[in-house]
Amino acid sequence: MKRPKNVTLHILDKDYVVACPESEQDDLLASAHYLNDKIQEVRERGKVSGSERLLVMTALNIVHELLQHKNAKNRYTNPNSVDLQRLEQKLQAALDASV
């Protein structure tokens, strides 16, 4: 088994060294870049002071995005979804009309 390698991440003007399997390094670097960009967005709005508060507000924004994506995905992948059932009914009606 390969040992994790150290990767240096630059977040909020600081460097962090994180052990990570080589196969996951690109994803880790992309995640750190995304996080740093989101921190900068919150910072530029100018309404948040202090690193801890800045990180918490950024984390809340990212979790909000994640939940929105999950909810949107579930609307069309959950077999019990009302949206999916409506879509299936429309498709069936269109198919029935074309026959």
N, C-alpha and C. Protein backbone atom coordinates (compact mmCIF):
# COMPACT_ATOMS: atom_id res chain seq x y z
N MET A 1 0.84 -1.17 0.00
CA MET A 1 0.00 0.00 0.00
C MET A 1 0.88 1.24 0.00
N LYS A 2 0.55 2.20 -0.86
CA LYS A 2 1.33 3.42 -0.94
C LYS A 2 1.04 4.32 0.25
N ARG A 3 2.06 4.98 0.69
CA ARG A 3 1.91 5.93 1.79
C ARG A 3 1.41 7.26 1.26
N PRO A 4 0.60 7.96 2.04
CA PRO A 4 0.14 9.28 1.61
C PRO A 4 1.32 10.23 1.46
N LYS A 5 1.18 11.16 0.55
CA LYS A 5 2.21 12.17 0.35
C LYS A 5 1.71 13.49 0.91
N ASN A 6 2.65 14.32 1.30
CA ASN A 6 2.30 15.64 1.80
C ASN A 6 2.01 16.58 0.65
N VAL A 7 0.92 17.32 0.79
CA VAL A 7 0.53 18.31 -0.21
C VAL A 7 0.39 19.64 0.52
N THR A 8 0.92 20.69 -0.07
CA THR A 8 0.81 22.02 0.53
C THR A 8 -0.36 22.75 -0.11
N LEU A 9 -1.26 23.21 0.75
CA LEU A 9 -2.44 23.95 0.32
C LEU A 9 -2.31 25.39 0.78
N HIS A 10 -2.67 26.32 -0.08
CA HIS A 10 -2.63 27.74 0.27
C HIS A 10 -4.06 28.22 0.44
N ILE A 11 -4.44 28.47 1.69
CA ILE A 11 -5.81 28.88 2.01
C ILE A 11 -5.75 30.07 2.97
N LEU A 12 -6.48 31.10 2.65
CA LEU A 12 -6.58 32.29 3.51
C LEU A 12 -5.19 32.83 3.86
N ASP A 13 -4.38 32.96 2.83
CA ASP A 13 -3.04 33.54 2.95
C ASP A 13 -2.09 32.74 3.83
N LYS A 14 -2.40 31.47 4.05
CA LYS A 14 -1.52 30.60 4.84
C LYS A 14 -1.33 29.28 4.11
N ASP A 15 -0.22 28.63 4.40
CA ASP A 15 0.05 27.32 3.83
C ASP A 15 -0.25 26.24 4.85
N TYR A 16 -0.89 25.17 4.38
CA TYR A 16 -1.22 24.02 5.21
C TYR A 16 -0.68 22.77 4.52
N VAL A 17 0.01 21.94 5.28
CA VAL A 17 0.52 20.70 4.74
C VAL A 17 -0.41 19.58 5.17
N VAL A 18 -0.92 18.83 4.18
CA VAL A 18 -1.90 17.78 4.43
C VAL A 18 -1.41 16.49 3.80
N ALA A 19 -1.50 15.39 4.54
CA ALA A 19 -1.17 14.08 3.98
C ALA A 19 -2.36 13.61 3.15
N CYS A 20 -2.07 13.10 1.96
CA CYS A 20 -3.14 12.72 1.05
C CYS A 20 -2.65 11.63 0.12
N PRO A 21 -3.49 10.61 -0.16
CA PRO A 21 -3.10 9.61 -1.15
C PRO A 21 -2.86 10.29 -2.50
N GLU A 22 -1.87 9.82 -3.21
CA GLU A 22 -1.51 10.43 -4.49
C GLU A 22 -2.70 10.48 -5.45
N SER A 23 -3.54 9.47 -5.40
CA SER A 23 -4.69 9.40 -6.31
C SER A 23 -5.74 10.47 -6.03
N GLU A 24 -5.66 11.09 -4.87
CA GLU A 24 -6.65 12.10 -4.48
C GLU A 24 -6.09 13.52 -4.45
N GLN A 25 -4.83 13.67 -4.82
CA GLN A 25 -4.18 14.98 -4.71
C GLN A 25 -4.82 16.03 -5.59
N ASP A 26 -5.17 15.68 -6.82
CA ASP A 26 -5.78 16.67 -7.71
C ASP A 26 -7.11 17.17 -7.13
N ASP A 27 -7.91 16.25 -6.59
CA ASP A 27 -9.18 16.65 -6.00
C ASP A 27 -8.96 17.53 -4.76
N LEU A 28 -7.97 17.19 -3.97
CA LEU A 28 -7.67 17.99 -2.78
C LEU A 28 -7.23 19.39 -3.17
N LEU A 29 -6.36 19.50 -4.16
CA LEU A 29 -5.90 20.81 -4.61
C LEU A 29 -7.05 21.63 -5.19
N ALA A 30 -7.93 20.97 -5.95
CA ALA A 30 -9.10 21.67 -6.52
C ALA A 30 -10.02 22.13 -5.40
N SER A 31 -10.20 21.31 -4.38
CA SER A 31 -11.04 21.68 -3.24
C SER A 31 -10.46 22.88 -2.50
N ALA A 32 -9.16 22.87 -2.28
CA ALA A 32 -8.51 23.98 -1.59
C ALA A 32 -8.63 25.26 -2.42
N HIS A 33 -8.48 25.15 -3.71
CA HIS A 33 -8.60 26.31 -4.60
C HIS A 33 -10.03 26.86 -4.55
N TYR A 34 -11.01 25.97 -4.61
CA TYR A 34 -12.41 26.37 -4.53
C TYR A 34 -12.70 27.07 -3.20
N LEU A 35 -12.24 26.47 -2.11
CA LEU A 35 -12.44 27.06 -0.78
C LEU A 35 -11.81 28.44 -0.70
N ASN A 36 -10.59 28.56 -1.18
CA ASN A 36 -9.90 29.85 -1.12
C ASN A 36 -10.64 30.91 -1.95
N ASP A 37 -11.14 30.52 -3.12
CA ASP A 37 -11.92 31.45 -3.94
C ASP A 37 -13.18 31.91 -3.21
N LYS A 38 -13.86 30.98 -2.57
CA LYS A 38 -15.08 31.32 -1.84
C LYS A 38 -14.77 32.22 -0.64
N ILE A 39 -13.67 31.98 0.03
CA ILE A 39 -13.25 32.84 1.14
C ILE A 39 -13.02 34.26 0.63
N GLN A 40 -12.35 34.36 -0.51
CA GLN A 40 -12.08 35.68 -1.08
C GLN A 40 -13.38 36.40 -1.44
N GLU A 41 -14.37 35.66 -1.97
CA GLU A 41 -15.67 36.27 -2.29
C GLU A 41 -16.32 36.85 -1.03
N VAL A 42 -16.33 36.07 0.05
CA VAL A 42 -16.92 36.55 1.30
C VAL A 42 -16.13 37.74 1.83
N ARG A 43 -14.83 37.65 1.76
CA ARG A 43 -13.96 38.73 2.25
C ARG A 43 -14.20 40.03 1.47
N GLU A 44 -14.37 39.90 0.15
CA GLU A 44 -14.56 41.09 -0.70
C GLU A 44 -15.89 41.78 -0.45
N ARG A 45 -16.88 41.03 0.02
CA ARG A 45 -18.16 41.66 0.36
C ARG A 45 -17.99 42.63 1.53
N GLY A 46 -16.93 42.40 2.33
CA GLY A 46 -16.55 43.35 3.37
C GLY A 46 -17.40 43.37 4.62
N LYS A 47 -18.32 42.43 4.76
CA LYS A 47 -19.20 42.47 5.93
C LYS A 47 -18.77 41.51 7.03
N VAL A 48 -17.68 40.78 6.80
CA VAL A 48 -17.24 39.79 7.78
C VAL A 48 -15.82 40.12 8.20
N SER A 49 -15.59 40.19 9.51
CA SER A 49 -14.24 40.44 10.00
C SER A 49 -13.79 39.28 10.87
N GLY A 50 -12.53 39.04 10.88
CA GLY A 50 -11.95 37.96 11.67
C GLY A 50 -11.92 36.66 10.88
N SER A 51 -10.81 35.98 10.96
CA SER A 51 -10.61 34.75 10.19
C SER A 51 -11.61 33.66 10.53
N GLU A 52 -11.88 33.48 11.82
CA GLU A 52 -12.81 32.42 12.22
C GLU A 52 -14.20 32.67 11.66
N ARG A 53 -14.67 33.88 11.79
CA ARG A 53 -16.00 34.23 11.27
C ARG A 53 -16.04 34.11 9.75
N LEU A 54 -14.97 34.53 9.10
CA LEU A 54 -14.86 34.43 7.65
C LEU A 54 -14.96 32.97 7.20
N LEU A 55 -14.27 32.09 7.90
CA LEU A 55 -14.30 30.66 7.57
C LEU A 55 -15.68 30.06 7.81
N VAL A 56 -16.33 30.43 8.91
CA VAL A 56 -17.65 29.90 9.20
C VAL A 56 -18.66 30.36 8.16
N MET A 57 -18.63 31.62 7.79
CA MET A 57 -19.57 32.15 6.79
C MET A 57 -19.32 31.48 5.43
N THR A 58 -18.06 31.28 5.09
CA THR A 58 -17.73 30.61 3.83
C THR A 58 -18.21 29.17 3.86
N ALA A 59 -17.99 28.48 4.96
CA ALA A 59 -18.45 27.08 5.08
C ALA A 59 -19.97 27.01 4.95
N LEU A 60 -20.68 27.93 5.56
CA LEU A 60 -22.15 27.96 5.45
C LEU A 60 -22.58 28.17 4.00
N ASN A 61 -21.91 29.05 3.29
CA ASN A 61 -22.23 29.28 1.88
C ASN A 61 -22.00 28.03 1.05
N ILE A 62 -20.91 27.35 1.29
CA ILE A 62 -20.59 26.14 0.52
C ILE A 62 -21.58 25.03 0.84
N VAL A 63 -21.93 24.86 2.10
CA VAL A 63 -22.90 23.83 2.47
C VAL A 63 -24.27 24.16 1.87
N HIS A 64 -24.62 25.42 1.84
CA HIS A 64 -25.88 25.83 1.22
C HIS A 64 -25.90 25.45 -0.27
N GLU A 65 -24.80 25.72 -0.98
CA GLU A 65 -24.68 25.32 -2.39
C GLU A 65 -24.84 23.80 -2.54
N LEU A 66 -24.16 23.06 -1.68
CA LEU A 66 -24.21 21.60 -1.74
C LEU A 66 -25.64 21.10 -1.55
N LEU A 67 -26.33 21.63 -0.56
CA LEU A 67 -27.70 21.20 -0.29
C LEU A 67 -28.64 21.56 -1.44
N GLN A 68 -28.42 22.71 -2.06
CA GLN A 68 -29.24 23.08 -3.22
C GLN A 68 -29.04 22.08 -4.35
N HIS A 69 -27.80 21.69 -4.60
CA HIS A 69 -27.50 20.71 -5.66
C HIS A 69 -28.09 19.35 -5.33
N LYS A 70 -27.98 18.95 -4.07
CA LYS A 70 -28.55 17.65 -3.66
C LYS A 70 -30.07 17.65 -3.82
N ASN A 71 -30.70 18.74 -3.39
CA ASN A 71 -32.16 18.82 -3.51
C ASN A 71 -32.60 18.81 -4.96
N ALA A 72 -31.88 19.53 -5.81
CA ALA A 72 -32.22 19.54 -7.24
C ALA A 72 -32.04 18.15 -7.84
N LYS A 73 -30.98 17.47 -7.47
CA LYS A 73 -30.73 16.12 -7.97
C LYS A 73 -31.83 15.17 -7.50
N ASN A 74 -32.21 15.26 -6.24
CA ASN A 74 -33.23 14.37 -5.67
C ASN A 74 -34.59 14.57 -6.32
N ARG A 75 -34.87 15.79 -6.77
CA ARG A 75 -36.17 16.04 -7.40
C ARG A 75 -36.35 15.19 -8.65
N TYR A 76 -35.23 14.86 -9.32
CA TYR A 76 -35.34 14.12 -10.57
C TYR A 76 -34.76 12.71 -10.51
N THR A 77 -34.26 12.30 -9.36
CA THR A 77 -33.74 10.94 -9.25
C THR A 77 -34.50 10.09 -8.24
N ASN A 78 -35.24 10.72 -7.36
CA ASN A 78 -36.02 9.99 -6.36
C ASN A 78 -37.32 9.51 -7.04
N PRO A 79 -37.54 8.19 -7.10
CA PRO A 79 -38.72 7.67 -7.78
C PRO A 79 -40.03 8.17 -7.18
N ASN A 80 -40.01 8.61 -5.93
CA ASN A 80 -41.22 9.11 -5.28
C ASN A 80 -41.38 10.62 -5.41
N SER A 81 -40.47 11.25 -6.13
CA SER A 81 -40.50 12.70 -6.29
C SER A 81 -41.72 13.13 -7.10
N VAL A 82 -42.41 14.15 -6.60
CA VAL A 82 -43.57 14.68 -7.31
C VAL A 82 -43.15 15.23 -8.66
N ASP A 83 -41.99 15.92 -8.72
CA ASP A 83 -41.51 16.46 -9.99
C ASP A 83 -41.25 15.35 -10.99
N LEU A 84 -40.63 14.28 -10.53
CA LEU A 84 -40.33 13.16 -11.43
C LEU A 84 -41.63 12.49 -11.89
N GLN A 85 -42.58 12.35 -11.00
CA GLN A 85 -43.86 11.74 -11.38
C GLN A 85 -44.59 12.59 -12.41
N ARG A 86 -44.57 13.91 -12.24
CA ARG A 86 -45.19 14.81 -13.23
C ARG A 86 -44.50 14.70 -14.58
N LEU A 87 -43.18 14.64 -14.55
CA LEU A 87 -42.41 14.51 -15.79
C LEU A 87 -42.75 13.20 -16.49
N GLU A 88 -42.85 12.11 -15.74
CA GLU A 88 -43.21 10.82 -16.31
C GLU A 88 -44.61 10.86 -16.92
N GLN A 89 -45.55 11.53 -16.24
CA GLN A 89 -46.92 11.65 -16.76
C GLN A 89 -46.94 12.43 -18.07
N LYS A 90 -46.16 13.52 -18.14
CA LYS A 90 -46.09 14.31 -19.37
C LYS A 90 -45.49 13.50 -20.51
N LEU A 91 -44.43 12.76 -20.20
CA LEU A 91 -43.81 11.92 -21.22
C LEU A 91 -44.77 10.85 -21.71
N GLN A 92 -45.48 10.23 -20.78
CA GLN A 92 -46.42 9.19 -21.17
C GLN A 92 -47.55 9.76 -22.01
N ALA A 93 -48.03 10.96 -21.64
CA ALA A 93 -49.10 11.60 -22.41
C ALA A 93 -48.61 11.94 -23.82
N ALA A 94 -47.38 12.40 -23.94
CA ALA A 94 -46.81 12.71 -25.25
C ALA A 94 -46.66 11.45 -26.10
N LEU A 95 -46.21 10.37 -25.45
CA LEU A 95 -46.08 9.10 -26.18
C LEU A 95 -47.44 8.58 -26.61
N ASP A 96 -48.44 8.67 -25.73
CA ASP A 96 -49.77 8.20 -26.06
C ASP A 96 -50.38 9.01 -27.21
N ALA A 97 -50.11 10.30 -27.22
CA ALA A 97 -50.66 11.18 -28.26
C ALA A 97 -50.01 10.92 -29.63
N SER A 98 -48.76 10.44 -29.59
CA SER A 98 -48.07 10.21 -30.86
C SER A 98 -48.40 8.87 -31.49
N VAL A 99 -49.09 8.00 -30.76
CA VAL A 99 -49.41 6.65 -31.28
C VAL A 99 -50.69 6.65 -32.03
